[in-house]
Amino acid sequence: MSKADEQRQQIKSRIDASQDQLDAENRQLAAIPPRPDTFGDAPDDWRGKAGQHPWLLLAAGAGAGLLIGALLPRRAGSKTASRALGLAAAGAELAIAFSKNARDAASDAASEGLHRLDEGTAPLRRRAGEVAGTASRSARTTGARLASEAVKIAARIRK
C-alpha cells in the first residue's frame, strides 16, 4: 500500500470518527417540542372561526360589502347609503384588525421557534467552532513545517 493510500485511509477513518461523534452529539440534543395548537380549542362561534381563518373573514367582509352595494339602488336615500357604507367600512376594519392579530400571533410563534432552535443548536455550533479552530491550527502548523522543509531543501540545493 502506497503512502498516499495510507493517508487516504487515515483521512477516511478520521471523517468516519467525526461523523460518529457528531451523530452521538445529535442524539444527546433535546428534541424540538411540537408547536402548540393555539386555535385547536377555540370556540365554535365566529371569533374562533375568525382566528382560524382570517383571510376568509376578510373575503367575507368584502363580499358582504359588494352584496349590499349591489342590492341598494343607485339613487337610494343618502341616509341608507351612508349607513350601509359605514357598516361595510366597519366590517372591513374588523377584518383588517383580525388579520393583524393573526399576523402578530404568527410572528410571535415564529420568533419563539427560532429562539428555541437557536438554544438547541448552540452545543453543535460550539463544537463545530472548536473543530474548525483545531483544523486551522493543524493546517497552520503543517504549513509552517512544509515551509521549513522547503527552505532546508533549497539551502541544500544551493550548496
C-alpha atoms as a PDB file:
ATOM      1  CA  MET A   1       0.000   0.000   0.000  1.00  0.00           C
ATOM      2  CA  SER A   2       1.460   3.343  -1.002  1.00  0.00           C
ATOM      3  CA  LYS A   3       1.874   6.301   1.312  1.00  0.00           C
ATOM      4  CA  ALA A   4      -0.953   8.163  -0.458  1.00  0.00           C
ATOM      5  CA  ASP A   5      -3.286   5.203   0.094  1.00  0.00           C
ATOM      6  CA  GLU A   6      -2.344   5.091   3.777  1.00  0.00           C
ATOM      7  CA  GLN A   7      -3.011   8.808   4.162  1.00  0.00           C
ATOM      8  CA  ARG A   8      -6.303   8.495   2.312  1.00  0.00           C
ATOM      9  CA  GLN A   9      -7.304   5.663   4.647  1.00  0.00           C
ATOM     10  CA  GLN A  10      -6.331   7.762   7.701  1.00  0.00           C
ATOM     11  CA  ILE A  11      -8.390  10.707   6.461  1.00  0.00           C
ATOM     12  CA  LYS A  12     -11.362   8.442   5.800  1.00  0.00           C
ATOM     13  CA  SER A  13     -11.136   6.946   9.288  1.00  0.00           C
ATOM     14  CA  ARG A  14     -10.955  10.447  10.831  1.00  0.00           C
ATOM     15  CA  ILE A  15     -14.004  11.530   8.849  1.00  0.00           C
ATOM     16  CA  ASP A  16     -15.900   8.422   9.977  1.00  0.00           C
ATOM     17  CA  ALA A  17     -14.906   9.048  13.604  1.00  0.00           C
ATOM     18  CA  SER A  18     -16.019  12.687  13.345  1.00  0.00           C
ATOM     19  CA  GLN A  19     -19.329  11.627  11.811  1.00  0.00           C
ATOM     20  CA  ASP A  20     -19.883   9.089  14.610  1.00  0.00           C
ATOM     21  CA  GLN A  21     -19.132  11.750  17.223  1.00  0.00           C
ATOM     22  CA  LEU A  22     -21.485  14.209  15.501  1.00  0.00           C
ATOM     23  CA  ASP A  23     -24.246  11.591  15.414  1.00  0.00           C
ATOM     24  CA  ALA A  24     -23.737  10.886  19.113  1.00  0.00           C
ATOM     25  CA  GLU A  25     -23.957  14.589  19.956  1.00  0.00           C
ATOM     26  CA  ASN A  26     -27.102  14.930  17.830  1.00  0.00           C
ATOM     27  CA  ARG A  27     -28.745  12.118  19.772  1.00  0.00           C
ATOM     28  CA  GLN A  28     -27.930  13.944  23.032  1.00  0.00           C
ATOM     29  CA  LEU A  29     -29.642  17.159  21.923  1.00  0.00           C
ATOM     30  CA  ALA A  30     -33.176  17.675  23.186  1.00  0.00           C
ATOM     31  CA  ALA A  31     -35.897  17.115  20.619  1.00  0.00           C
ATOM     32  CA  ILE A  32     -37.674  20.205  19.340  1.00  0.00           C
ATOM     33  CA  PRO A  33     -41.022  20.330  21.128  1.00  0.00           C
ATOM     34  CA  PRO A  34     -44.128  20.366  18.935  1.00  0.00           C
ATOM     35  CA  ARG A  35     -45.719  23.742  18.357  1.00  0.00           C
ATOM     36  CA  PRO A  36     -48.854  24.188  20.442  1.00  0.00           C
ATOM     37  CA  ASP A  37     -52.103  24.432  18.520  1.00  0.00           C
ATOM     38  CA  THR A  38     -53.276  27.902  19.553  1.00  0.00           C
ATOM     39  CA  PHE A  39     -56.633  27.626  17.778  1.00  0.00           C
ATOM     40  CA  GLY A  40     -57.298  23.938  18.445  1.00  0.00           C
ATOM     41  CA  ASP A  41     -59.586  24.587  21.381  1.00  0.00           C
ATOM     42  CA  ALA A  42     -61.133  27.791  20.014  1.00  0.00           C
ATOM     43  CA  PRO A  43     -64.882  28.096  20.424  1.00  0.00           C
ATOM     44  CA  ASP A  44     -67.140  27.343  17.501  1.00  0.00           C
ATOM     45  CA  ASP A  45     -68.504  30.893  17.374  1.00  0.00           C
ATOM     46  CA  TRP A  46     -67.488  33.491  14.812  1.00  0.00           C
ATOM     47  CA  ARG A  47     -64.474  34.636  16.853  1.00  0.00           C
ATOM     48  CA  GLY A  48     -62.968  31.173  16.858  1.00  0.00           C
ATOM     49  CA  LYS A  49     -63.514  30.794  13.132  1.00  0.00           C
ATOM     50  CA  ALA A  50     -62.089  34.271  12.526  1.00  0.00           C
ATOM     51  CA  GLY A  51     -58.969  33.325  14.459  1.00  0.00           C
ATOM     52  CA  GLN A  52     -58.547  30.158  12.444  1.00  0.00           C
ATOM     53  CA  HIS A  53     -59.279  31.712   9.051  1.00  0.00           C
ATOM     54  CA  PRO A  54     -58.504  35.468   8.993  1.00  0.00           C
ATOM     55  CA  TRP A  55     -58.335  35.658   5.180  1.00  0.00           C
ATOM     56  CA  LEU A  56     -61.739  34.037   4.922  1.00  0.00           C
ATOM     57  CA  LEU A  57     -63.136  36.722   7.234  1.00  0.00           C
ATOM     58  CA  LEU A  58     -61.573  39.427   5.069  1.00  0.00           C
ATOM     59  CA  ALA A  59     -63.088  37.895   1.922  1.00  0.00           C
ATOM     60  CA  ALA A  60     -66.494  37.569   3.625  1.00  0.00           C
ATOM     61  CA  GLY A  61     -66.416  41.239   4.635  1.00  0.00           C
ATOM     62  CA  ALA A  62     -65.564  42.305   1.093  1.00  0.00           C
ATOM     63  CA  GLY A  63     -68.268  40.009  -0.309  1.00  0.00           C
ATOM     64  CA  ALA A  64     -70.886  41.371   2.099  1.00  0.00           C
ATOM     65  CA  GLY A  65     -69.945  44.922   1.098  1.00  0.00           C
ATOM     66  CA  LEU A  66     -70.302  44.061  -2.576  1.00  0.00           C
ATOM     67  CA  LEU A  67     -73.632  42.337  -1.981  1.00  0.00           C
ATOM     68  CA  ILE A  68     -75.047  45.277  -0.032  1.00  0.00           C
ATOM     69  CA  GLY A  69     -73.788  47.659  -2.700  1.00  0.00           C
ATOM     70  CA  ALA A  70     -75.414  45.598  -5.457  1.00  0.00           C
ATOM     71  CA  LEU A  71     -78.754  45.347  -3.637  1.00  0.00           C
ATOM     72  CA  LEU A  72     -79.085  49.058  -2.984  1.00  0.00           C
ATOM     73  CA  PRO A  73     -80.411  51.127  -5.852  1.00  0.00           C
ATOM     74  CA  ARG A  74     -78.076  53.807  -7.156  1.00  0.00           C
ATOM     75  CA  ARG A  75     -80.335  56.631  -6.059  1.00  0.00           C
ATOM     76  CA  ALA A  76     -81.284  55.266  -2.648  1.00  0.00           C
ATOM     77  CA  GLY A  77     -81.677  57.728   0.150  1.00  0.00           C
ATOM     78  CA  SER A  78     -78.326  59.158   1.172  1.00  0.00           C
ATOM     79  CA  LYS A  79     -79.001  58.195   4.784  1.00  0.00           C
ATOM     80  CA  THR A  80     -79.398  54.482   3.957  1.00  0.00           C
ATOM     81  CA  ALA A  81     -76.447  54.505   1.594  1.00  0.00           C
ATOM     82  CA  SER A  82     -74.198  56.216   4.137  1.00  0.00           C
ATOM     83  CA  ARG A  83     -75.240  53.714   6.834  1.00  0.00           C
ATOM     84  CA  ALA A  84     -74.544  50.773   4.535  1.00  0.00           C
ATOM     85  CA  LEU A  85     -71.230  52.301   3.570  1.00  0.00           C
ATOM     86  CA  GLY A  86     -70.419  52.808   7.244  1.00  0.00           C
ATOM     87  CA  LEU A  87     -71.262  49.184   8.014  1.00  0.00           C
ATOM     88  CA  ALA A  88     -69.156  47.970   5.101  1.00  0.00           C
ATOM     89  CA  ALA A  89     -66.256  50.130   6.293  1.00  0.00           C
ATOM     90  CA  ALA A  90     -66.657  48.812   9.842  1.00  0.00           C
ATOM     91  CA  GLY A  91     -66.641  45.237   8.516  1.00  0.00           C
ATOM     92  CA  ALA A  92     -63.504  45.936   6.536  1.00  0.00           C
ATOM     93  CA  GLU A  93     -61.813  47.499   9.579  1.00  0.00           C
ATOM     94  CA  LEU A  94     -62.789  44.492  11.682  1.00  0.00           C
ATOM     95  CA  ALA A  95     -61.355  42.114   9.085  1.00  0.00           C
ATOM     96  CA  ILE A  96     -58.115  44.117   8.949  1.00  0.00           C
ATOM     97  CA  ALA A  97     -57.854  44.089  12.747  1.00  0.00           C
ATOM     98  CA  PHE A  98     -58.318  40.313  12.864  1.00  0.00           C
ATOM     99  CA  SER A  99     -55.738  39.797  10.123  1.00  0.00           C
ATOM    100  CA  LYS A 100     -53.222  41.989  12.010  1.00  0.00           C
ATOM    101  CA  ASN A 101     -53.800  39.967  15.180  1.00  0.00           C
ATOM    102  CA  ALA A 102     -53.299  36.727  13.260  1.00  0.00           C
ATOM    103  CA  ARG A 103     -50.113  38.097  11.663  1.00  0.00           C
ATOM    104  CA  ASP A 104     -48.757  39.178  15.059  1.00  0.00           C
ATOM    105  CA  ALA A 105     -49.532  35.782  16.580  1.00  0.00           C
ATOM    106  CA  ALA A 106     -47.775  34.029  13.694  1.00  0.00           C
ATOM    107  CA  SER A 107     -44.779  36.358  14.029  1.00  0.00           C
ATOM    108  CA  ASP A 108     -44.529  35.707  17.771  1.00  0.00           C
ATOM    109  CA  ALA A 109     -44.738  31.953  17.230  1.00  0.00           C
ATOM    110  CA  ALA A 110     -42.019  32.119  14.573  1.00  0.00           C
ATOM    111  CA  SER A 111     -39.749  34.191  16.851  1.00  0.00           C
ATOM    112  CA  GLU A 112     -40.248  31.744  19.702  1.00  0.00           C
ATOM    113  CA  GLY A 113     -39.494  28.813  17.400  1.00  0.00           C
ATOM    114  CA  LEU A 114     -36.291  30.447  16.169  1.00  0.00           C
ATOM    115  CA  HIS A 115     -35.226  31.145  19.749  1.00  0.00           C
ATOM    116  CA  ARG A 116     -35.797  27.503  20.718  1.00  0.00           C
ATOM    117  CA  LEU A 117     -33.937  26.345  17.626  1.00  0.00           C
ATOM    118  CA  ASP A 118     -31.049  28.663  18.488  1.00  0.00           C
ATOM    119  CA  GLU A 119     -30.867  27.257  22.031  1.00  0.00           C
ATOM    120  CA  GLY A 120     -30.974  23.687  20.740  1.00  0.00           C
ATOM    121  CA  THR A 121     -28.174  24.104  18.211  1.00  0.00           C
ATOM    122  CA  ALA A 122     -25.799  26.075  20.472  1.00  0.00           C
ATOM    123  CA  PRO A 123     -23.780  22.969  21.569  1.00  0.00           C
ATOM    124  CA  LEU A 124     -23.485  21.823  17.984  1.00  0.00           C
ATOM    125  CA  ARG A 125     -22.344  25.252  16.784  1.00  0.00           C
ATOM    126  CA  ARG A 126     -19.829  25.480  19.651  1.00  0.00           C
ATOM    127  CA  ARG A 127     -18.396  22.066  18.787  1.00  0.00           C
ATOM    128  CA  ALA A 128     -18.188  22.979  15.091  1.00  0.00           C
ATOM    129  CA  GLY A 129     -16.250  26.135  16.033  1.00  0.00           C
ATOM    130  CA  GLU A 130     -13.836  24.102  18.154  1.00  0.00           C
ATOM    131  CA  VAL A 131     -13.272  21.612  15.337  1.00  0.00           C
ATOM    132  CA  ALA A 132     -12.724  24.426  12.835  1.00  0.00           C
ATOM    133  CA  GLY A 133     -10.198  26.064  15.185  1.00  0.00           C
ATOM    134  CA  THR A 134      -8.366  22.776  15.625  1.00  0.00           C
ATOM    135  CA  ALA A 135      -8.272  22.220  11.873  1.00  0.00           C
ATOM    136  CA  SER A 136      -6.990  25.758  11.338  1.00  0.00           C
ATOM    137  CA  ARG A 137      -4.199  25.316  13.884  1.00  0.00           C
ATOM    138  CA  SER A 138      -3.283  21.949  12.385  1.00  0.00           C
ATOM    139  CA  ALA A 139      -3.178  23.389   8.869  1.00  0.00           C
ATOM    140  CA  ARG A 140      -1.042  26.326  10.069  1.00  0.00           C
ATOM    141  CA  THR A 141       1.411  24.002  11.824  1.00  0.00           C
ATOM    142  CA  THR A 142       1.640  21.719   8.806  1.00  0.00           C
ATOM    143  CA  GLY A 143       2.179  24.698   6.503  1.00  0.00           C
ATOM    144  CA  ALA A 144       4.961  26.009   8.727  1.00  0.00           C
ATOM    145  CA  ARG A 145       6.636  22.588   8.740  1.00  0.00           C
ATOM    146  CA  LEU A 146       6.391  22.338   4.954  1.00  0.00           C
ATOM    147  CA  ALA A 147       7.839  25.830   4.540  1.00  0.00           C
ATOM    148  CA  SER A 148      10.709  24.966   6.896  1.00  0.00           C
ATOM    149  CA  GLU A 149      11.454  21.786   4.950  1.00  0.00           C
ATOM    150  CA  ALA A 150      11.328  23.709   1.658  1.00  0.00           C
ATOM    151  CA  VAL A 151      13.866  26.234   3.000  1.00  0.00           C
ATOM    152  CA  LYS A 152      16.164  23.402   4.134  1.00  0.00           C
ATOM    153  CA  ILE A 153      15.935  21.691   0.733  1.00  0.00           C
ATOM    154  CA  ALA A 154      16.568  24.977  -1.073  1.00  0.00           C
ATOM    155  CA  ALA A 155      19.616  25.590   1.130  1.00  0.00           C
ATOM    156  CA  ARG A 156      20.968  22.119   0.365  1.00  0.00           C
ATOM    157  CA  ILE A 157      20.450  22.631  -3.382  1.00  0.00           C
ATOM    158  CA  ARG A 158      22.376  25.954  -3.334  1.00  0.00           C
ATOM    159  CA  LYS A 159      25.430  24.359  -1.729  1.00  0.00           C
END
